[in-house]
Structure formats: structure tokens, C-alpha cells
Amino acid sequence: MVNEEARLVHVSHRDYYLQLAEQAAVAWQSGTREHWLEQLDVENENFRAALEWSKSRPDDSAALTRLTVALATYWEFSGRFTEARQWVTDALGETAPPRQRIRALVRGAHFASYLGDFDVAKSLLDEGGDLARQHGDGRDEALIFTHRGYLALTRGDLPAAVAAHLEALPRWRALGDDAPHLADSLTQLGMVAALQGDLAAARMRLEESVEFCRSADSPFHLADALMALGFVRFLLGDAGGGLPLLAQGLTLFHGLGAQAHVAMGLDEHAFIAGNSGRPMDAARLLGAAVALRQRIGIPRFAAYDQLYAQLVDGLREALGADMLRETMEAGGGLSTDEAVALATTFGA
């Protein structure tokens, strides 16, 4: 009797925090996400307890899978990539309905991509693709192609990224009710076009993405599109139009707590500072981005290695190796608030 009472208490606790996590996941996709990051931070130990109970007492509710999928955005925004990957790995060990498993496989691949484990990410997406063809619908297949494109971009395989997103894009257009994911593919196609040197095509893709994001009230995806569009407009010689967009995107990401994307925004602002006669600011921002990635345990995307090398070479020439190292170390000591404030002065 005591054991049954204890079990019911644990189940009730798990179900309460599962419901809270799923509410937060919905809120992050809508216009009502205020304070969710702070609330989930406060409840983090309760979520861990619910996850541990679900792992140790699997049942037919697939609660561990549902919890990990629901908490994935929180883990991503708060920089808990290693912890997230472990929980998703644990969740994939339980039996879950095919469509829930697809979501978990996609999340696992996403975290593996962030952490640079590309072979694992590919394996998870391959399983997800098989399940989507057998048990899913057009939305599941589109999601798999979008994340294959993301994986290819993070590892620097630009042709594969284009091919995957060109598969995803018509599927999202046909579904007609998922502007954020449609915008995802448009933004990444725009980023790839920019990296390949086709700035006109990049601008066209990114302007369409911004339009979809504004209509969908999706600040995360809007921030991504704004930063990319601002960077492209700067490369096109339109600093006056590009810098405010870049600053808006970085400010949105910072407000959402999306640390990995803040690091990317600091890198982009460093590139602009370095190409605008501000090598000291560029080095400080570069150091801040490096330190932020180290804190959350992720590498820089391989697709940007060439731009990064060009920037560092230019800064070394402008400042000298010793001054560059010292200034980057000083930038690494900035808080995220201080680094974002420095970056966003450029468009002021």
C-alpha cells in the first residue's frame, strides 16, 4: 500500500511537470513565451526528478520521450547541450509511438549536430526518415529534410544543405500552416547562398523568410532571419540598412536566452567591426563569442571556418599577434550582456 501510494505521488509529480514542459514548448512557438525560460530554470531540479522517474519506471505513456521533446527548446536556449543529448539518448531507449519517436530522433540529431557529432546526427535522421516514410505524414518528412539541411550546413557541406532544403521547402509550402519551419529552410538557403557568394539570391531568400516570420509571430526564427539578412546587406554594401537588422536579431536572441545563437551574432558583429576599421572591438567580440561557446560546450559551425580564418588573419595583421590575443582574452571576460551591448552599438 505504501509503495503504491509512493508510486502515485511520483506519477502525479511527473505528469504535472510533463504538462508544464509541454505548455512551455507550445508557448515558445507562439507569442506568449514571456518568463518561460526563468520559470523553467526555477523548476529545473523538478524536471530532472521527473525525467529520472520516467527513465526508471517506463510505462505505456512514453513520458520520457514526451518530456525530452518538450524540454528540448529550453535546453537549447539555456545552453545545456550535453545534458540534453544524454536525456534524448535515454529516451530513445524506450518504446514510443512512431511520430513521438520521430520528434525525439530529430531533437537528438539537432543536439548531436551542435556538439559536432555529425555521424550520430546522420544516423538518427536516417532512422527518422525511415519512420516518417512508414508512419508519418508530409510534416514529418519535411522536418527530416529541414534537419538534414541543418546538419549539412553545420558540417560545412553546402551542396548537401541546398539539396536537403530544396526538398523541405515545397513540402512546407504545400502544408501551408507552418511558417516557422518554412522560414527555417528559407533562412538556411539564404545563408548557404551568401557563403557561396550569391548575395542577390541570399537577400531574396532572407527577405521572404523575414516576411513569413513576422506574419507568424515567431521571434526565434525572426531573429535568425534578421541577423542573416543584416549580414548579407552589409556584404552588399548597405551598412545603413544591414546593421540595424543584425542588431535587432542579436537583441531578440539575447532576450530569448538563445546562447548559441548569441555567440553566432557576436561572431557576425566581429566580422563587421573588423571590416569597418574597428579591430579592437572585433577582437573583443570574437573573444566573447569564443568564451560563450566554451561555457556551453559547443564548437563553431564548420561552414564559417573560412570567414573566421580571414577575420583572424586580418586582425593579427592590424593588431599584432600579442595584442590580438590579449584583446580576445579581455573580450572573453565580458558578460553576455556587455558583449551584446558592445555589438549592438554598431547599428545605433
Foldseek 3Di string as FASTA:
>chain_A
DVVVVVVVVLVVLLVVVLVLLQVQLVCLQAQNNPCVLVVCVVCVVSLVSSLVVCLVDPDQPLSLLSSLLSCLVSCQLQLVLVVSLVSLVSSCVDDDPLVSLLSSLLSNLVSCLQAPNLVSSVVSLVVSCVSCVVPNDLVSNLSSLLSQLVSCQLQQNLVSNLVSLVVNQVSCVVVVPCLLSNLSSLQSPLLSCVLVPNLVSSLVSLVVSCVSCVVSVNLLSNLSSLLSNLLSCVVVVPPLVRLQSLLSSLVSSVVSSNLLVVLVSLQSLLLVCLVVVNLLLSLLSPLCSVLSCVVSNGDGRPSCVVVVVVSVVSSCVVQNPVRSVVSSPNSNPDDSVVSSVSSSVSND
